[in-house]
Amino acid sequence: RSSESSGINAEYGEAGAQFAKWRAVLKIGENRPSELAIQENAVTLARYASICQSQGLVPIVEPEILCDGTHTLIQCKKVTERVLSATYKACVDHNVYLEGSLLKPNMVTPGMQCTERATPEEIGAATVIALQRSVPPAVVGVTFLSGGQSEEDATRNLNAINQYQDPGRKPWKLSFSYGRALQASVLKAWQGKKENVPAAQVELKKRAFANHQAALGQYAGDVTGASGSDSLFVPNHQY
C-alpha cells in the first residue's frame, strides 16, 4: 500500500537503491476501464512517485493496460491516452518532479484475441501519437514493458517506435524495460543447468544488443534466439 511505502522506500534508499517502481494494471473490455478505476490508479501512482522522490529515489511510473482481450489498435490507443493523461494530471497535483521520473507504459497494440493484427509500423505510430497527446516533454524517458509480446515482436515494435518520424515530435528517450522479452531465450538455453550458462549468456547478449539497436531505430531484424518468435502471453499476468 502507498500509505506504507514511505518507510519502506527510506529503508531501500539507505541500502543503496536508486529507483523504485509501482505497477498499476487496467484491462480493456465492455465498459472497462471505468473512469473511477483510471482515476484511482492515477492517484496511487502519483502518490507513490511523490513518496519515492521524498526519499531520494527515482520513481518508475507503470500504468499498464493489459493485452488481454479483443480490443483493436484504435481502442487501445484511446484508452492509453486517457490513462496517461489522468496519470500525469495526478502527478502534477502531487507535485511530482517530472524531470526526476521515468514512465514504463504498455505499447499501443491490439488485444491478443483481436483478429485485426497490426504491423510494427502501425504500432509505432499509434504508440508515439498516444505519448505525444498525454506525456509531458519534461519526463526524461519512456521505458516500455513488453507485455506478453514475443521477444522479436517487442524488439521490432520498439524499433518502429523510434523510427516513426511523422511528425516525429519525440522529446523523450524511448527505450525498454523488458522482463519476459529479455529472458525467454535465456531461460530456454539455460534449463537450470550449470553447463548451459555460457549458452544462456550468449542469448542474453544477443537480445540485449537487438533491443539496444531498436532503441536507436537501427534494428535490422537479423537477431535469432531460442524463443525469439514464441508467444510470451500469459492471461491476467501477475508478479
C-alpha atoms as a PDB file:
ATOM      1  CA  ARG A   1       0.000   0.000   0.000  1.00  0.00           C
ATOM      2  CA  SER A   2       1.228   3.512  -0.798  1.00  0.00           C
ATOM      3  CA  SER A   3       0.485   4.568   2.788  1.00  0.00           C
ATOM      4  CA  GLU A   4       3.187   2.171   3.983  1.00  0.00           C
ATOM      5  CA  SER A   5       5.724   2.868   1.249  1.00  0.00           C
ATOM      6  CA  SER A   6       7.482   5.884   2.756  1.00  0.00           C
ATOM      7  CA  GLY A   7       9.236   3.863   5.439  1.00  0.00           C
ATOM      8  CA  ILE A   8       9.963   1.000   3.049  1.00  0.00           C
ATOM      9  CA  ASN A   9      11.446   3.329   0.450  1.00  0.00           C
ATOM     10  CA  ALA A  10      13.592   5.028   3.088  1.00  0.00           C
ATOM     11  CA  GLU A  11      14.946   1.621   4.067  1.00  0.00           C
ATOM     12  CA  TYR A  12      15.674   0.695   0.448  1.00  0.00           C
ATOM     13  CA  GLY A  13      17.315   4.058  -0.152  1.00  0.00           C
ATOM     14  CA  GLU A  14      19.638   3.539   2.792  1.00  0.00           C
ATOM     15  CA  ALA A  15      20.527   0.131   1.340  1.00  0.00           C
ATOM     16  CA  GLY A  16      21.612   1.760  -1.915  1.00  0.00           C
ATOM     17  CA  ALA A  17      18.504   1.594  -4.116  1.00  0.00           C
ATOM     18  CA  GLN A  18      18.136   4.437  -6.618  1.00  0.00           C
ATOM     19  CA  PHE A  19      14.946   3.505  -8.457  1.00  0.00           C
ATOM     20  CA  ALA A  20      11.543   2.211  -7.338  1.00  0.00           C
ATOM     21  CA  LYS A  21       8.563   1.055  -9.402  1.00  0.00           C
ATOM     22  CA  TRP A  22       4.827   0.747  -8.870  1.00  0.00           C
ATOM     23  CA  ARG A  23       2.730  -1.220 -11.380  1.00  0.00           C
ATOM     24  CA  ALA A  24      -0.955  -0.383 -11.711  1.00  0.00           C
ATOM     25  CA  VAL A  25      -2.948  -2.588 -14.094  1.00  0.00           C
ATOM     26  CA  LEU A  26      -6.052  -1.881 -16.142  1.00  0.00           C
ATOM     27  CA  LYS A  27      -7.924  -4.059 -18.637  1.00  0.00           C
ATOM     28  CA  ILE A  28      -9.927  -3.096 -21.716  1.00  0.00           C
ATOM     29  CA  GLY A  29     -13.382  -4.647 -22.016  1.00  0.00           C
ATOM     30  CA  GLU A  30     -17.053  -3.771 -22.072  1.00  0.00           C
ATOM     31  CA  ASN A  31     -17.315  -0.523 -20.061  1.00  0.00           C
ATOM     32  CA  ARG A  32     -13.729  -1.044 -18.911  1.00  0.00           C
ATOM     33  CA  PRO A  33     -11.642   0.532 -17.678  1.00  0.00           C
ATOM     34  CA  SER A  34     -14.102   2.679 -15.738  1.00  0.00           C
ATOM     35  CA  GLU A  35     -13.301   6.318 -15.087  1.00  0.00           C
ATOM     36  CA  LEU A  36     -13.114   5.502 -11.380  1.00  0.00           C
ATOM     37  CA  ALA A  37     -10.516   2.785 -11.997  1.00  0.00           C
ATOM     38  CA  ILE A  38      -8.445   5.128 -14.157  1.00  0.00           C
ATOM     39  CA  GLN A  39      -8.520   7.920 -11.567  1.00  0.00           C
ATOM     40  CA  GLU A  40      -7.782   5.625  -8.617  1.00  0.00           C
ATOM     41  CA  ASN A  41      -4.785   4.103 -10.388  1.00  0.00           C
ATOM     42  CA  ALA A  42      -3.550   7.538 -11.436  1.00  0.00           C
ATOM     43  CA  VAL A  43      -3.689   8.924  -7.909  1.00  0.00           C
ATOM     44  CA  THR A  44      -1.979   5.850  -6.455  1.00  0.00           C
ATOM     45  CA  LEU A  45       0.849   6.067  -8.986  1.00  0.00           C
ATOM     46  CA  ALA A  46       1.282   9.787  -8.345  1.00  0.00           C
ATOM     47  CA  ARG A  47       1.314   9.378  -4.560  1.00  0.00           C
ATOM     48  CA  TYR A  48       3.917   6.650  -4.816  1.00  0.00           C
ATOM     49  CA  ALA A  49       6.057   8.735  -7.176  1.00  0.00           C
ATOM     50  CA  SER A  50       5.936  11.663  -4.760  1.00  0.00           C
ATOM     51  CA  ILE A  51       6.894   9.435  -1.835  1.00  0.00           C
ATOM     52  CA  CYS A  52       9.805   7.967  -3.814  1.00  0.00           C
ATOM     53  CA  GLN A  53      11.192  11.396  -4.576  1.00  0.00           C
ATOM     54  CA  SER A  54      10.837  12.491  -0.956  1.00  0.00           C
ATOM     55  CA  GLN A  55      13.166   9.588  -0.094  1.00  0.00           C
ATOM     56  CA  GLY A  56      15.685  10.357  -2.843  1.00  0.00           C
ATOM     57  CA  LEU A  57      14.525   7.603  -5.212  1.00  0.00           C
ATOM     58  CA  VAL A  58      13.655   7.911  -8.892  1.00  0.00           C
ATOM     59  CA  PRO A  59      10.087   6.664  -9.417  1.00  0.00           C
ATOM     60  CA  ILE A  60       9.290   4.447 -12.385  1.00  0.00           C
ATOM     61  CA  VAL A  61       5.612   5.061 -13.043  1.00  0.00           C
ATOM     62  CA  GLU A  62       3.978   1.979 -14.598  1.00  0.00           C
ATOM     63  CA  PRO A  63       0.350   2.267 -15.708  1.00  0.00           C
ATOM     64  CA  GLU A  64      -0.108  -0.956 -17.660  1.00  0.00           C
ATOM     65  CA  ILE A  65      -3.031  -1.711 -19.937  1.00  0.00           C
ATOM     66  CA  LEU A  66      -3.093  -5.471 -20.288  1.00  0.00           C
ATOM     67  CA  CYS A  67      -3.038  -7.013 -23.750  1.00  0.00           C
ATOM     68  CA  ASP A  68      -5.769  -9.500 -22.775  1.00  0.00           C
ATOM     69  CA  GLY A  69      -8.890  -9.070 -24.883  1.00  0.00           C
ATOM     70  CA  THR A  70     -10.334  -8.495 -28.320  1.00  0.00           C
ATOM     71  CA  HIS A  71      -9.820  -4.721 -28.438  1.00  0.00           C
ATOM     72  CA  THR A  72      -8.433  -3.126 -31.594  1.00  0.00           C
ATOM     73  CA  LEU A  73      -5.346  -0.979 -32.004  1.00  0.00           C
ATOM     74  CA  ILE A  74      -7.526   2.153 -32.091  1.00  0.00           C
ATOM     75  CA  GLN A  75      -9.344   1.175 -28.891  1.00  0.00           C
ATOM     76  CA  CYS A  76      -6.046   0.574 -27.106  1.00  0.00           C
ATOM     77  CA  LYS A  77      -4.743   3.941 -28.312  1.00  0.00           C
ATOM     78  CA  LYS A  78      -7.788   5.793 -26.965  1.00  0.00           C
ATOM     79  CA  VAL A  79      -7.590   4.082 -23.571  1.00  0.00           C
ATOM     80  CA  THR A  80      -3.829   4.601 -23.362  1.00  0.00           C
ATOM     81  CA  GLU A  81      -4.291   8.331 -23.960  1.00  0.00           C
ATOM     82  CA  ARG A  82      -6.960   8.524 -21.239  1.00  0.00           C
ATOM     83  CA  VAL A  83      -4.854   6.617 -18.742  1.00  0.00           C
ATOM     84  CA  LEU A  84      -1.620   8.510 -19.346  1.00  0.00           C
ATOM     85  CA  SER A  85      -3.393  11.885 -19.305  1.00  0.00           C
ATOM     86  CA  ALA A  86      -5.002  11.061 -15.956  1.00  0.00           C
ATOM     87  CA  THR A  87      -1.702   9.777 -14.583  1.00  0.00           C
ATOM     88  CA  TYR A  88       0.193  12.969 -15.374  1.00  0.00           C
ATOM     89  CA  LYS A  89      -2.636  15.193 -14.163  1.00  0.00           C
ATOM     90  CA  ALA A  90      -2.343  13.347 -10.841  1.00  0.00           C
ATOM     91  CA  CYS A  91       1.458  13.636 -10.879  1.00  0.00           C
ATOM     92  CA  VAL A  92       1.192  17.414 -11.271  1.00  0.00           C
ATOM     93  CA  ASP A  93      -1.394  17.567  -8.488  1.00  0.00           C
ATOM     94  CA  HIS A  94       1.011  15.663  -6.209  1.00  0.00           C
ATOM     95  CA  ASN A  95       3.973  17.899  -7.082  1.00  0.00           C
ATOM     96  CA  VAL A  96       5.969  15.111  -8.710  1.00  0.00           C
ATOM     97  CA  TYR A  97       9.208  16.399 -10.222  1.00  0.00           C
ATOM     98  CA  LEU A  98       8.717  15.074 -13.734  1.00  0.00           C
ATOM     99  CA  GLU A  99      12.346  15.571 -14.749  1.00  0.00           C
ATOM    100  CA  GLY A 100      13.275  13.123 -11.999  1.00  0.00           C
ATOM    101  CA  SER A 101      10.934  10.314 -13.065  1.00  0.00           C
ATOM    102  CA  LEU A 102      10.506   7.627 -15.711  1.00  0.00           C
ATOM    103  CA  LEU A 103       7.417   6.203 -17.382  1.00  0.00           C
ATOM    104  CA  LYS A 104       7.036   2.466 -18.016  1.00  0.00           C
ATOM    105  CA  PRO A 105       3.903   2.046 -20.158  1.00  0.00           C
ATOM    106  CA  ASN A 106       2.474  -0.552 -22.480  1.00  0.00           C
ATOM    107  CA  MET A 107       2.928  -0.136 -26.202  1.00  0.00           C
ATOM    108  CA  VAL A 108      -0.293   0.508 -28.095  1.00  0.00           C
ATOM    109  CA  THR A 109      -1.193  -2.894 -29.559  1.00  0.00           C
ATOM    110  CA  PRO A 110      -4.363  -4.815 -30.424  1.00  0.00           C
ATOM    111  CA  GLY A 111      -5.607  -7.265 -27.811  1.00  0.00           C
ATOM    112  CA  MET A 112      -4.138 -10.741 -28.059  1.00  0.00           C
ATOM    113  CA  GLN A 113      -7.540 -12.153 -29.053  1.00  0.00           C
ATOM    114  CA  CYS A 114      -8.213  -9.444 -31.661  1.00  0.00           C
ATOM    115  CA  THR A 115      -8.428 -10.741 -35.217  1.00  0.00           C
ATOM    116  CA  GLU A 116      -7.253  -7.398 -36.650  1.00  0.00           C
ATOM    117  CA  ARG A 117      -3.478  -7.606 -36.250  1.00  0.00           C
ATOM    118  CA  ALA A 118      -1.206  -4.584 -36.654  1.00  0.00           C
ATOM    119  CA  THR A 119       2.187  -4.111 -38.247  1.00  0.00           C
ATOM    120  CA  PRO A 120       5.156  -2.760 -36.267  1.00  0.00           C
ATOM    121  CA  GLU A 121       4.809   0.497 -38.207  1.00  0.00           C
ATOM    122  CA  GLU A 122       1.159   0.845 -37.185  1.00  0.00           C
ATOM    123  CA  ILE A 123       2.009   0.052 -33.570  1.00  0.00           C
ATOM    124  CA  GLY A 124       4.901   2.507 -33.636  1.00  0.00           C
ATOM    125  CA  ALA A 125       2.745   5.320 -34.992  1.00  0.00           C
ATOM    126  CA  ALA A 126      -0.149   4.678 -32.577  1.00  0.00           C
ATOM    127  CA  THR A 127       2.191   4.489 -29.589  1.00  0.00           C
ATOM    128  CA  VAL A 128       4.075   7.690 -30.370  1.00  0.00           C
ATOM    129  CA  ILE A 129       0.867   9.637 -31.071  1.00  0.00           C
ATOM    130  CA  ALA A 130      -0.614   8.456 -27.759  1.00  0.00           C
ATOM    131  CA  LEU A 131       2.513   9.643 -25.938  1.00  0.00           C
ATOM    132  CA  GLN A 132       2.511  12.995 -27.764  1.00  0.00           C
ATOM    133  CA  ARG A 133      -1.058  13.599 -26.635  1.00  0.00           C
ATOM    134  CA  SER A 134      -0.575  12.731 -22.984  1.00  0.00           C
ATOM    135  CA  VAL A 135       3.035  12.658 -21.692  1.00  0.00           C
ATOM    136  CA  PRO A 136       4.719  15.968 -20.797  1.00  0.00           C
ATOM    137  CA  PRO A 137       8.059  16.643 -22.520  1.00  0.00           C
ATOM    138  CA  ALA A 138       9.580  17.174 -19.066  1.00  0.00           C
ATOM    139  CA  VAL A 139       9.532  13.415 -18.492  1.00  0.00           C
ATOM    140  CA  VAL A 140      13.063  12.171 -19.096  1.00  0.00           C
ATOM    141  CA  GLY A 141      12.440   8.745 -20.561  1.00  0.00           C
ATOM    142  CA  VAL A 142       9.863   6.156 -21.541  1.00  0.00           C
ATOM    143  CA  THR A 143      10.949   2.556 -20.915  1.00  0.00           C
ATOM    144  CA  PHE A 144       8.368   0.237 -22.435  1.00  0.00           C
ATOM    145  CA  LEU A 145       7.215  -3.036 -20.913  1.00  0.00           C
ATOM    146  CA  SER A 146       6.946  -5.990 -23.293  1.00  0.00           C
ATOM    147  CA  GLY A 147       3.557  -7.118 -22.011  1.00  0.00           C
ATOM    148  CA  GLY A 148       3.447 -10.669 -23.350  1.00  0.00           C
ATOM    149  CA  GLN A 149       4.791  -9.917 -26.817  1.00  0.00           C
ATOM    150  CA  SER A 150       7.298 -12.349 -28.257  1.00  0.00           C
ATOM    151  CA  GLU A 151      10.932 -11.298 -27.987  1.00  0.00           C
ATOM    152  CA  GLU A 152      11.084 -10.468 -31.685  1.00  0.00           C
ATOM    153  CA  ASP A 153       7.784  -8.565 -31.721  1.00  0.00           C
ATOM    154  CA  ALA A 154       8.841  -6.460 -28.736  1.00  0.00           C
ATOM    155  CA  THR A 155      12.109  -5.583 -30.452  1.00  0.00           C
ATOM    156  CA  ARG A 156      10.555  -4.843 -33.844  1.00  0.00           C
ATOM    157  CA  ASN A 157       7.849  -2.678 -32.296  1.00  0.00           C
ATOM    158  CA  LEU A 158      10.384  -0.700 -30.250  1.00  0.00           C
ATOM    159  CA  ASN A 159      12.390  -0.188 -33.418  1.00  0.00           C
ATOM    160  CA  ALA A 160       9.296   1.097 -35.244  1.00  0.00           C
ATOM    161  CA  ILE A 161       8.527   3.481 -32.377  1.00  0.00           C
ATOM    162  CA  ASN A 162      11.981   5.001 -32.665  1.00  0.00           C
ATOM    163  CA  GLN A 163      11.839   5.143 -36.462  1.00  0.00           C
ATOM    164  CA  TYR A 164       8.488   6.937 -36.509  1.00  0.00           C
ATOM    165  CA  GLN A 165       9.095  10.411 -37.940  1.00  0.00           C
ATOM    166  CA  ASP A 166       5.714  11.824 -38.901  1.00  0.00           C
ATOM    167  CA  PRO A 167       5.607  14.407 -37.384  1.00  0.00           C
ATOM    168  CA  GLY A 168       8.407  12.991 -35.242  1.00  0.00           C
ATOM    169  CA  ARG A 169       7.970  15.066 -32.102  1.00  0.00           C
ATOM    170  CA  LYS A 170       9.573  12.749 -29.566  1.00  0.00           C
ATOM    171  CA  PRO A 171      11.181  14.711 -26.699  1.00  0.00           C
ATOM    172  CA  TRP A 172      11.731  11.620 -24.531  1.00  0.00           C
ATOM    173  CA  LYS A 173      14.245   8.805 -24.714  1.00  0.00           C
ATOM    174  CA  LEU A 174      12.235   5.789 -25.917  1.00  0.00           C
ATOM    175  CA  SER A 175      13.809   2.604 -24.612  1.00  0.00           C
ATOM    176  CA  PHE A 176      12.920  -0.731 -22.998  1.00  0.00           C
ATOM    177  CA  SER A 177      12.431  -2.295 -19.589  1.00  0.00           C
ATOM    178  CA  TYR A 178      11.518  -5.826 -20.612  1.00  0.00           C
ATOM    179  CA  GLY A 179      11.133  -8.889 -18.434  1.00  0.00           C
ATOM    180  CA  ARG A 180       9.886 -11.872 -20.406  1.00  0.00           C
ATOM    181  CA  ALA A 181      11.072 -10.454 -23.746  1.00  0.00           C
ATOM    182  CA  LEU A 182      14.660 -10.422 -22.477  1.00  0.00           C
ATOM    183  CA  GLN A 183      14.540 -13.687 -20.554  1.00  0.00           C
ATOM    184  CA  ALA A 184      12.688 -16.289 -22.623  1.00  0.00           C
ATOM    185  CA  SER A 185      15.563 -17.374 -24.871  1.00  0.00           C
ATOM    186  CA  VAL A 186      17.958 -17.159 -21.934  1.00  0.00           C
ATOM    187  CA  LEU A 187      15.860 -19.484 -19.798  1.00  0.00           C
ATOM    188  CA  LYS A 188      15.305 -21.879 -22.698  1.00  0.00           C
ATOM    189  CA  ALA A 189      19.050 -22.105 -23.325  1.00  0.00           C
ATOM    190  CA  TRP A 190      19.931 -22.408 -19.642  1.00  0.00           C
ATOM    191  CA  GLN A 191      17.359 -25.023 -18.497  1.00  0.00           C
ATOM    192  CA  GLY A 192      18.705 -24.694 -14.967  1.00  0.00           C
ATOM    193  CA  LYS A 193      21.933 -26.490 -15.850  1.00  0.00           C
ATOM    194  CA  LYS A 194      25.343 -25.110 -14.949  1.00  0.00           C
ATOM    195  CA  GLU A 195      26.909 -26.360 -18.167  1.00  0.00           C
ATOM    196  CA  ASN A 196      24.397 -24.266 -20.157  1.00  0.00           C
ATOM    197  CA  VAL A 197      25.326 -20.941 -18.529  1.00  0.00           C
ATOM    198  CA  PRO A 198      27.654 -19.831 -21.379  1.00  0.00           C
ATOM    199  CA  ALA A 199      24.934 -20.525 -23.948  1.00  0.00           C
ATOM    200  CA  ALA A 200      22.394 -18.602 -21.859  1.00  0.00           C
ATOM    201  CA  GLN A 201      24.789 -15.663 -21.606  1.00  0.00           C
ATOM    202  CA  VAL A 202      25.127 -15.621 -25.382  1.00  0.00           C
ATOM    203  CA  GLU A 203      21.333 -15.455 -25.718  1.00  0.00           C
ATOM    204  CA  LEU A 204      21.125 -12.567 -23.232  1.00  0.00           C
ATOM    205  CA  LYS A 205      23.811 -10.589 -25.035  1.00  0.00           C
ATOM    206  CA  LYS A 206      22.094 -11.127 -28.401  1.00  0.00           C
ATOM    207  CA  ARG A 207      18.696  -9.980 -27.154  1.00  0.00           C
ATOM    208  CA  ALA A 208      20.103  -7.037 -25.209  1.00  0.00           C
ATOM    209  CA  PHE A 209      22.039  -5.870 -28.263  1.00  0.00           C
ATOM    210  CA  ALA A 210      18.979  -6.258 -30.504  1.00  0.00           C
ATOM    211  CA  ASN A 211      16.968  -4.029 -28.178  1.00  0.00           C
ATOM    212  CA  HIS A 212      19.853  -1.575 -27.921  1.00  0.00           C
ATOM    213  CA  GLN A 213      19.675  -1.266 -31.712  1.00  0.00           C
ATOM    214  CA  ALA A 214      15.883  -0.936 -31.584  1.00  0.00           C
ATOM    215  CA  ALA A 215      16.153   1.897 -29.041  1.00  0.00           C
ATOM    216  CA  LEU A 216      18.168   3.717 -31.704  1.00  0.00           C
ATOM    217  CA  GLY A 217      15.788   2.780 -34.512  1.00  0.00           C
ATOM    218  CA  GLN A 218      18.531   0.710 -36.133  1.00  0.00           C
ATOM    219  CA  TYR A 219      17.341  -2.884 -35.688  1.00  0.00           C
ATOM    220  CA  ALA A 220      17.613  -4.865 -38.927  1.00  0.00           C
ATOM    221  CA  GLY A 221      15.699  -7.937 -37.734  1.00  0.00           C
ATOM    222  CA  ASP A 222      18.752 -10.155 -38.001  1.00  0.00           C
ATOM    223  CA  VAL A 223      18.961 -11.498 -34.441  1.00  0.00           C
ATOM    224  CA  THR A 224      17.666 -15.014 -33.833  1.00  0.00           C
ATOM    225  CA  GLY A 225      17.019 -16.560 -30.447  1.00  0.00           C
ATOM    226  CA  ALA A 226      15.937 -19.825 -28.892  1.00  0.00           C
ATOM    227  CA  SER A 227      12.492 -18.333 -28.190  1.00  0.00           C
ATOM    228  CA  GLY A 228      12.565 -15.326 -30.484  1.00  0.00           C
ATOM    229  CA  SER A 229       9.136 -15.763 -32.069  1.00  0.00           C
ATOM    230  CA  ASP A 230       7.431 -17.690 -29.256  1.00  0.00           C
ATOM    231  CA  SER A 231       4.383 -16.036 -27.725  1.00  0.00           C
ATOM    232  CA  LEU A 232       5.054 -14.935 -24.141  1.00  0.00           C
ATOM    233  CA  PHE A 233       1.449 -14.002 -23.437  1.00  0.00           C
ATOM    234  CA  VAL A 234       0.139 -15.059 -20.022  1.00  0.00           C
ATOM    235  CA  PRO A 235      -3.547 -14.207 -19.387  1.00  0.00           C
ATOM    236  CA  ASN A 236      -4.031 -11.819 -16.442  1.00  0.00           C
ATOM    237  CA  HIS A 237      -0.269 -11.750 -15.868  1.00  0.00           C
ATOM    238  CA  GLN A 238       0.708 -11.104 -12.263  1.00  0.00           C
ATOM    239  CA  TYR A 239       4.029 -10.812 -10.471  1.00  0.00           C
END
